[in-house]
Structures are given as structure tokens and as C-alpha cells.
Amino acid sequence: MLMFLTLVLASASGVMLFSYTDLRDRQTEFALMRTLGFSRGQLNGVVWFNLALVVACGIALGTWVGQMVGNSLLPVMEVAEGGVRVTPPMVFERDWGALLVSYLILGSVTIGTIGWLVWLTSKLEVQRILRIGE
């Protein structure tokens, strides 16, 4: 359980790091959007959509790939040293409670990251960014 929570927290910190670097890399683009007439809400919507898309696709793809890896490795693990199948046969089971905990942790980190990104985009200085350019 400790390794599982460690991996969930590592994933959560990866989401935060990705969001921060993505926001910093796209500052000029966001400043141009503000210049073209985007409101703060619309700008935040662009940032949130990007984050939500990455998190949702990551959770869905990770769950599916984990299921596929478990299903493909189980037949290999059923064979004992002598080449015979183990008794009783192995059955692939999911711990829905642990999955729910990981989804809740990632969801709460995503919500916290959204609040953090709102704060960062509110500090966006359009004139300074456009003067500096790329």
C-alpha cells in the first residue's frame, strides 16, 4: 500500500510540474489571447481544459493499460517451477477501494492545481510579456 500511495503522489507531483511548465512556456500565447480580447475566465478555461484533458486521458489510459498488463502477466505467473499450473488457479482481482483512493487523490490535486493556476494566470503581466517577446 505504501508503494501504491508513493506512486500516486509521484503522479500528482508530475501533474503539478507539467501544469507549471506548460503555463510558463505558453505565457506569450496567453498574453496574446488577452490582447485579442479573451477575458480572464476564458483564459482560465483554456488552461483548465488543457489540465483536465491531460488528467482525464492519463487516468483512463493508465487504468486500461494496467488492466491489460495484469491480464497478460497472470497466465505467466500461474506456471510453477515444474511447468505445471498452480493450484488453486490465480484470478485477477481489482482493489476498487485503492483505485478510488488514488482517483480521489489525483482529483483533489487537480482541483488544487486549478486553484494554483488561477492565481498564476491572475498575476500574468500582459505588457511585460509582450515587450520581452520570445
N, C-alpha and C. Protein backbone atom coordinates (compact mmCIF):
# COMPACT_ATOMS: atom_id res chain seq x y z
N MET A 1 0.83 -1.19 0.00
CA MET A 1 0.00 0.00 0.00
C MET A 1 0.88 1.25 0.00
N LEU A 2 2.02 1.18 0.70
CA LEU A 2 2.92 2.33 0.76
C LEU A 2 3.48 2.66 -0.62
N MET A 3 3.85 1.63 -1.39
CA MET A 3 4.37 1.86 -2.74
C MET A 3 3.29 2.44 -3.64
N PHE A 4 2.07 1.96 -3.46
CA PHE A 4 0.96 2.46 -4.26
C PHE A 4 0.72 3.93 -4.00
N LEU A 5 0.69 4.33 -2.75
CA LEU A 5 0.50 5.74 -2.41
C LEU A 5 1.68 6.59 -2.86
N THR A 6 2.88 6.03 -2.80
CA THR A 6 4.05 6.75 -3.28
C THR A 6 3.93 7.04 -4.78
N LEU A 7 3.48 6.05 -5.53
CA LEU A 7 3.31 6.25 -6.97
C LEU A 7 2.19 7.25 -7.27
N VAL A 8 1.13 7.22 -6.48
CA VAL A 8 0.05 8.18 -6.68
C VAL A 8 0.55 9.60 -6.40
N LEU A 9 1.31 9.77 -5.33
CA LEU A 9 1.84 11.10 -5.01
C LEU A 9 2.87 11.57 -6.05
N ALA A 10 3.65 10.62 -6.59
CA ALA A 10 4.59 10.98 -7.66
C ALA A 10 3.83 11.43 -8.91
N SER A 11 2.74 10.75 -9.20
CA SER A 11 1.91 11.15 -10.34
C SER A 11 1.30 12.53 -10.11
N ALA A 12 0.85 12.76 -8.89
CA ALA A 12 0.26 14.06 -8.55
C ALA A 12 1.28 15.18 -8.69
N SER A 13 2.50 14.95 -8.22
CA SER A 13 3.52 15.99 -8.36
C SER A 13 3.89 16.18 -9.83
N GLY A 14 3.82 15.12 -10.62
CA GLY A 14 4.06 15.25 -12.06
C GLY A 14 3.01 16.11 -12.74
N VAL A 15 1.76 15.98 -12.30
CA VAL A 15 0.68 16.81 -12.85
C VAL A 15 0.94 18.27 -12.53
N MET A 16 1.35 18.56 -11.31
CA MET A 16 1.61 19.94 -10.92
C MET A 16 2.81 20.51 -11.69
N LEU A 17 3.87 19.72 -11.82
CA LEU A 17 5.04 20.18 -12.55
C LEU A 17 4.72 20.43 -14.02
N PHE A 18 3.96 19.52 -14.63
CA PHE A 18 3.56 19.70 -16.03
C PHE A 18 2.75 20.97 -16.20
N SER A 19 1.81 21.20 -15.29
CA SER A 19 0.95 22.38 -15.38
C SER A 19 1.76 23.66 -15.27
N TYR A 20 2.70 23.68 -14.35
CA TYR A 20 3.52 24.88 -14.15
C TYR A 20 4.40 25.15 -15.37
N THR A 21 5.08 24.12 -15.87
CA THR A 21 5.96 24.34 -17.02
C THR A 21 5.15 24.68 -18.27
N ASP A 22 3.98 24.08 -18.42
CA ASP A 22 3.14 24.40 -19.57
C ASP A 22 2.67 25.85 -19.51
N LEU A 23 2.29 26.31 -18.33
CA LEU A 23 1.85 27.69 -18.17
C LEU A 23 3.00 28.66 -18.46
N ARG A 24 4.19 28.36 -17.96
CA ARG A 24 5.34 29.25 -18.20
C ARG A 24 5.75 29.24 -19.67
N ASP A 25 5.67 28.08 -20.33
CA ASP A 25 6.06 28.01 -21.75
C ASP A 25 5.08 28.75 -22.64
N ARG A 26 3.83 28.84 -22.23
CA ARG A 26 2.80 29.43 -23.07
C ARG A 26 2.40 30.84 -22.62
N GLN A 27 3.22 31.49 -21.83
CA GLN A 27 2.90 32.84 -21.34
C GLN A 27 2.65 33.83 -22.46
N THR A 28 3.49 33.80 -23.49
CA THR A 28 3.32 34.73 -24.60
C THR A 28 2.00 34.48 -25.32
N GLU A 29 1.67 33.20 -25.48
CA GLU A 29 0.40 32.86 -26.12
C GLU A 29 -0.78 33.37 -25.30
N PHE A 30 -0.71 33.22 -23.98
CA PHE A 30 -1.79 33.71 -23.12
C PHE A 30 -1.87 35.24 -23.13
N ALA A 31 -0.72 35.90 -23.18
CA ALA A 31 -0.72 37.36 -23.25
C ALA A 31 -1.34 37.83 -24.56
N LEU A 32 -1.05 37.13 -25.65
CA LEU A 32 -1.67 37.49 -26.93
C LEU A 32 -3.18 37.24 -26.89
N MET A 33 -3.60 36.19 -26.24
CA MET A 33 -5.04 35.92 -26.10
C MET A 33 -5.72 37.05 -25.34
N ARG A 34 -5.07 37.52 -24.27
CA ARG A 34 -5.65 38.64 -23.50
C ARG A 34 -5.70 39.89 -24.36
N THR A 35 -4.68 40.12 -25.19
CA THR A 35 -4.65 41.29 -26.07
C THR A 35 -5.76 41.21 -27.12
N LEU A 36 -6.05 39.99 -27.58
CA LEU A 36 -7.08 39.81 -28.60
C LEU A 36 -8.50 39.88 -28.04
N GLY A 37 -8.62 39.99 -26.71
CA GLY A 37 -9.94 40.19 -26.13
C GLY A 37 -10.46 39.06 -25.27
N PHE A 38 -9.65 38.05 -25.01
CA PHE A 38 -10.08 36.98 -24.12
C PHE A 38 -10.23 37.53 -22.71
N SER A 39 -11.29 37.15 -22.03
CA SER A 39 -11.44 37.54 -20.63
C SER A 39 -10.60 36.61 -19.76
N ARG A 40 -10.47 36.97 -18.48
CA ARG A 40 -9.73 36.09 -17.56
C ARG A 40 -10.41 34.72 -17.45
N GLY A 41 -11.72 34.72 -17.46
CA GLY A 41 -12.45 33.45 -17.39
C GLY A 41 -12.19 32.57 -18.60
N GLN A 42 -12.16 33.17 -19.78
CA GLN A 42 -11.88 32.40 -20.99
C GLN A 42 -10.44 31.88 -20.98
N LEU A 43 -9.52 32.71 -20.52
CA LEU A 43 -8.13 32.29 -20.43
C LEU A 43 -7.97 31.15 -19.43
N ASN A 44 -8.63 31.27 -18.29
CA ASN A 44 -8.60 30.18 -17.31
C ASN A 44 -9.24 28.92 -17.86
N GLY A 45 -10.29 29.08 -18.68
CA GLY A 45 -10.92 27.92 -19.31
C GLY A 45 -9.97 27.17 -20.21
N VAL A 46 -9.13 27.89 -20.96
CA VAL A 46 -8.14 27.26 -21.82
C VAL A 46 -7.13 26.47 -20.97
N VAL A 47 -6.67 27.08 -19.89
CA VAL A 47 -5.69 26.42 -19.01
C VAL A 47 -6.32 25.20 -18.34
N TRP A 48 -7.54 25.35 -17.84
CA TRP A 48 -8.21 24.24 -17.16
C TRP A 48 -8.52 23.10 -18.10
N PHE A 49 -8.94 23.43 -19.33
CA PHE A 49 -9.25 22.38 -20.29
C PHE A 49 -8.02 21.55 -20.60
N ASN A 50 -6.88 22.22 -20.75
CA ASN A 50 -5.63 21.51 -21.01
C ASN A 50 -5.31 20.56 -19.86
N LEU A 51 -5.42 21.05 -18.63
CA LEU A 51 -5.12 20.24 -17.46
C LEU A 51 -6.12 19.09 -17.32
N ALA A 52 -7.40 19.39 -17.49
CA ALA A 52 -8.43 18.35 -17.36
C ALA A 52 -8.26 17.27 -18.42
N LEU A 53 -7.90 17.67 -19.62
CA LEU A 53 -7.70 16.70 -20.69
C LEU A 53 -6.52 15.79 -20.38
N VAL A 54 -5.43 16.34 -19.92
CA VAL A 54 -4.26 15.54 -19.58
C VAL A 54 -4.57 14.58 -18.44
N VAL A 55 -5.23 15.06 -17.39
CA VAL A 55 -5.53 14.22 -16.23
C VAL A 55 -6.54 13.13 -16.60
N ALA A 56 -7.60 13.49 -17.30
CA ALA A 56 -8.63 12.50 -17.66
C ALA A 56 -8.06 11.43 -18.59
N CYS A 57 -7.32 11.85 -19.60
CA CYS A 57 -6.72 10.86 -20.50
C CYS A 57 -5.68 10.01 -19.79
N GLY A 58 -4.92 10.62 -18.89
CA GLY A 58 -3.91 9.86 -18.15
C GLY A 58 -4.53 8.82 -17.23
N ILE A 59 -5.60 9.19 -16.54
CA ILE A 59 -6.27 8.24 -15.64
C ILE A 59 -6.91 7.11 -16.45
N ALA A 60 -7.60 7.47 -17.53
CA ALA A 60 -8.26 6.45 -18.34
C ALA A 60 -7.25 5.51 -18.99
N LEU A 61 -6.21 6.07 -19.58
CA LEU A 61 -5.19 5.25 -20.24
C LEU A 61 -4.42 4.41 -19.23
N GLY A 62 -4.09 4.99 -18.08
CA GLY A 62 -3.38 4.24 -17.05
C GLY A 62 -4.19 3.08 -16.50
N THR A 63 -5.48 3.30 -16.30
CA THR A 63 -6.34 2.23 -15.82
C THR A 63 -6.45 1.11 -16.85
N TRP A 64 -6.64 1.49 -18.10
CA TRP A 64 -6.77 0.48 -19.16
C TRP A 64 -5.48 -0.30 -19.36
N VAL A 65 -4.34 0.38 -19.39
CA VAL A 65 -3.05 -0.30 -19.59
C VAL A 65 -2.74 -1.19 -18.38
N GLY A 66 -3.05 -0.73 -17.18
CA GLY A 66 -2.85 -1.57 -16.00
C GLY A 66 -3.68 -2.84 -16.06
N GLN A 67 -4.91 -2.72 -16.52
CA GLN A 67 -5.78 -3.90 -16.70
C GLN A 67 -5.18 -4.86 -17.72
N MET A 68 -4.71 -4.32 -18.84
CA MET A 68 -4.14 -5.16 -19.89
C MET A 68 -2.86 -5.85 -19.44
N VAL A 69 -2.00 -5.13 -18.73
CA VAL A 69 -0.76 -5.73 -18.23
C VAL A 69 -1.07 -6.83 -17.22
N GLY A 70 -2.01 -6.58 -16.32
CA GLY A 70 -2.40 -7.60 -15.35
C GLY A 70 -2.95 -8.84 -16.03
N ASN A 71 -3.80 -8.65 -17.03
CA ASN A 71 -4.36 -9.80 -17.75
C ASN A 71 -3.32 -10.57 -18.54
N SER A 72 -2.32 -9.88 -19.07
CA SER A 72 -1.30 -10.58 -19.86
C SER A 72 -0.23 -11.25 -18.99
N LEU A 73 0.03 -10.71 -17.80
CA LEU A 73 1.05 -11.31 -16.93
C LEU A 73 0.51 -12.46 -16.07
N LEU A 74 -0.76 -12.49 -15.82
CA LEU A 74 -1.32 -13.51 -14.95
C LEU A 74 -1.10 -14.92 -15.47
N PRO A 75 -1.31 -15.22 -16.75
CA PRO A 75 -1.04 -16.59 -17.22
C PRO A 75 0.42 -17.00 -17.06
N VAL A 76 1.34 -16.08 -17.17
CA VAL A 76 2.76 -16.39 -17.00
C VAL A 76 3.06 -16.73 -15.54
N MET A 77 2.40 -16.06 -14.63
CA MET A 77 2.65 -16.28 -13.20
C MET A 77 1.94 -17.53 -12.67
N GLU A 78 1.03 -18.12 -13.44
CA GLU A 78 0.32 -19.31 -13.00
C GLU A 78 1.14 -20.58 -13.12
N VAL A 79 2.28 -20.52 -13.80
CA VAL A 79 3.08 -21.71 -14.03
C VAL A 79 4.14 -21.83 -12.94
N ALA A 80 4.20 -23.01 -12.30
CA ALA A 80 5.18 -23.26 -11.24
C ALA A 80 6.51 -23.68 -11.86
N GLU A 81 7.50 -24.01 -10.98
CA GLU A 81 8.84 -24.35 -11.47
C GLU A 81 8.84 -25.58 -12.36
N GLY A 82 7.98 -26.53 -12.08
CA GLY A 82 7.95 -27.77 -12.85
C GLY A 82 7.21 -27.66 -14.17
N GLY A 83 6.65 -26.53 -14.45
CA GLY A 83 5.92 -26.33 -15.70
C GLY A 83 4.44 -26.65 -15.59
N VAL A 84 3.96 -26.94 -14.39
CA VAL A 84 2.53 -27.24 -14.20
C VAL A 84 1.83 -26.00 -13.63
N ARG A 85 0.55 -25.96 -13.83
CA ARG A 85 -0.23 -24.83 -13.31
C ARG A 85 -0.37 -24.95 -11.80
N VAL A 86 -0.39 -23.78 -11.14
CA VAL A 86 -0.53 -23.76 -9.69
C VAL A 86 -1.97 -24.06 -9.30
N THR A 87 -2.11 -24.60 -8.09
CA THR A 87 -3.43 -24.90 -7.57
C THR A 87 -3.59 -24.16 -6.26
N PRO A 88 -4.60 -23.45 -6.03
CA PRO A 88 -5.72 -23.08 -6.89
C PRO A 88 -5.27 -22.09 -7.95
N PRO A 89 -6.01 -22.01 -9.05
CA PRO A 89 -5.60 -21.11 -10.13
C PRO A 89 -5.67 -19.65 -9.69
N MET A 90 -4.81 -18.84 -10.27
CA MET A 90 -4.79 -17.41 -9.95
C MET A 90 -5.94 -16.70 -10.66
N VAL A 91 -6.47 -15.69 -9.98
CA VAL A 91 -7.57 -14.90 -10.53
C VAL A 91 -7.17 -13.43 -10.40
N PHE A 92 -7.35 -12.68 -11.50
CA PHE A 92 -7.02 -11.26 -11.48
C PHE A 92 -8.13 -10.50 -10.77
N GLU A 93 -7.78 -9.82 -9.68
CA GLU A 93 -8.76 -9.05 -8.92
C GLU A 93 -8.33 -7.59 -8.87
N ARG A 94 -9.33 -6.71 -8.84
CA ARG A 94 -9.07 -5.28 -8.72
C ARG A 94 -9.44 -4.84 -7.32
N ASP A 95 -8.62 -4.00 -6.76
CA ASP A 95 -8.93 -3.40 -5.46
C ASP A 95 -9.58 -2.06 -5.74
N TRP A 96 -10.91 -2.05 -5.81
CA TRP A 96 -11.64 -0.84 -6.18
C TRP A 96 -11.47 0.24 -5.12
N GLY A 97 -11.29 -0.15 -3.88
CA GLY A 97 -11.07 0.84 -2.83
C GLY A 97 -9.77 1.61 -3.04
N ALA A 98 -8.70 0.87 -3.36
CA ALA A 98 -7.41 1.52 -3.61
C ALA A 98 -7.48 2.39 -4.86
N LEU A 99 -8.18 1.91 -5.89
CA LEU A 99 -8.34 2.72 -7.10
C LEU A 99 -9.12 3.99 -6.80
N LEU A 100 -10.15 3.88 -5.99
CA LEU A 100 -10.94 5.05 -5.63
C LEU A 100 -10.10 6.05 -4.84
N VAL A 101 -9.25 5.55 -3.93
CA VAL A 101 -8.37 6.43 -3.17
C VAL A 101 -7.41 7.17 -4.11
N SER A 102 -6.83 6.44 -5.07
CA SER A 102 -5.90 7.09 -6.00
C SER A 102 -6.61 8.11 -6.88
N TYR A 103 -7.82 7.78 -7.33
CA TYR A 103 -8.58 8.73 -8.14
C TYR A 103 -8.95 9.96 -7.33
N LEU A 104 -9.30 9.77 -6.06
CA LEU A 104 -9.64 10.92 -5.21
C LEU A 104 -8.42 11.80 -4.95
N ILE A 105 -7.27 11.17 -4.73
CA ILE A 105 -6.04 11.96 -4.52
C ILE A 105 -5.70 12.75 -5.78
N LEU A 106 -5.75 12.09 -6.94
CA LEU A 106 -5.45 12.80 -8.18
C LEU A 106 -6.48 13.88 -8.48
N GLY A 107 -7.74 13.61 -8.15
CA GLY A 107 -8.78 14.62 -8.34
C GLY A 107 -8.58 15.83 -7.44
N SER A 108 -8.23 15.59 -6.18
CA SER A 108 -8.01 16.71 -5.28
C SER A 108 -6.76 17.50 -5.66
N VAL A 109 -5.72 16.81 -6.13
CA VAL A 109 -4.53 17.52 -6.60
C VAL A 109 -4.86 18.34 -7.85
N THR A 110 -5.70 17.80 -8.72
CA THR A 110 -6.11 18.53 -9.92
C THR A 110 -6.89 19.78 -9.54
N ILE A 111 -7.80 19.66 -8.59
CA ILE A 111 -8.57 20.83 -8.15
C ILE A 111 -7.64 21.86 -7.49
N GLY A 112 -6.70 21.40 -6.67
CA GLY A 112 -5.73 22.31 -6.07
C GLY A 112 -4.85 22.98 -7.12
N THR A 113 -4.47 22.21 -8.14
CA THR A 113 -3.65 22.76 -9.21
C THR A 113 -4.43 23.80 -10.01
N ILE A 114 -5.72 23.56 -10.20
CA ILE A 114 -6.56 24.55 -10.90
C ILE A 114 -6.58 25.86 -10.12
N GLY A 115 -6.74 25.77 -8.79
CA GLY A 115 -6.70 26.99 -7.98
C GLY A 115 -5.36 27.70 -8.08
N TRP A 116 -4.30 26.93 -8.08
CA TRP A 116 -2.95 27.48 -8.20
C TRP A 116 -2.76 28.15 -9.57
N LEU A 117 -3.28 27.51 -10.63
CA LEU A 117 -3.16 28.09 -11.97
C LEU A 117 -3.99 29.36 -12.11
N VAL A 118 -5.13 29.42 -11.43
CA VAL A 118 -5.93 30.66 -11.43
C VAL A 118 -5.11 31.79 -10.82
N TRP A 119 -4.44 31.49 -9.73
CA TRP A 119 -3.61 32.50 -9.08
C TRP A 119 -2.46 32.93 -9.99
N LEU A 120 -1.82 31.95 -10.65
CA LEU A 120 -0.71 32.29 -11.55
C LEU A 120 -1.16 33.09 -12.75
N THR A 121 -2.30 32.73 -13.34
CA THR A 121 -2.76 33.49 -14.51
C THR A 121 -3.28 34.87 -14.11
N SER A 122 -3.72 35.04 -12.87
CA SER A 122 -4.15 36.37 -12.45
C SER A 122 -2.96 37.32 -12.30
N LYS A 123 -1.77 36.76 -12.08
CA LYS A 123 -0.56 37.57 -11.96
C LYS A 123 0.11 37.82 -13.31
N LEU A 124 -0.51 37.37 -14.39
CA LEU A 124 0.06 37.50 -15.72
C LEU A 124 0.13 38.98 -16.12
N GLU A 125 1.32 39.45 -16.39
CA GLU A 125 1.55 40.84 -16.78
C GLU A 125 1.67 40.91 -18.30
N VAL A 126 0.57 41.25 -18.94
CA VAL A 126 0.50 41.21 -20.39
C VAL A 126 1.52 42.15 -21.03
N GLN A 127 1.62 43.39 -20.56
CA GLN A 127 2.51 44.35 -21.19
C GLN A 127 3.98 43.90 -21.08
N ARG A 128 4.38 43.40 -19.92
CA ARG A 128 5.77 42.99 -19.74
C ARG A 128 6.10 41.79 -20.62
N ILE A 129 5.19 40.85 -20.71
CA ILE A 129 5.43 39.65 -21.52
C ILE A 129 5.52 40.00 -23.00
N LEU A 130 4.64 40.89 -23.46
CA LEU A 130 4.66 41.27 -24.88
C LEU A 130 5.89 42.10 -25.23
N ARG A 131 6.41 42.87 -24.27
CA ARG A 131 7.63 43.64 -24.51
C ARG A 131 8.82 42.70 -24.64
N ILE A 132 8.88 41.71 -23.77
CA ILE A 132 10.02 40.77 -23.80
C ILE A 132 9.95 39.89 -25.02
N GLY A 133 8.76 39.38 -25.36
CA GLY A 133 8.61 38.50 -26.52
C GLY A 133 9.28 37.17 -26.28
N GLU A 134 9.61 36.51 -27.38
CA GLU A 134 10.26 35.19 -27.25
C GLU A 134 11.68 35.28 -27.64
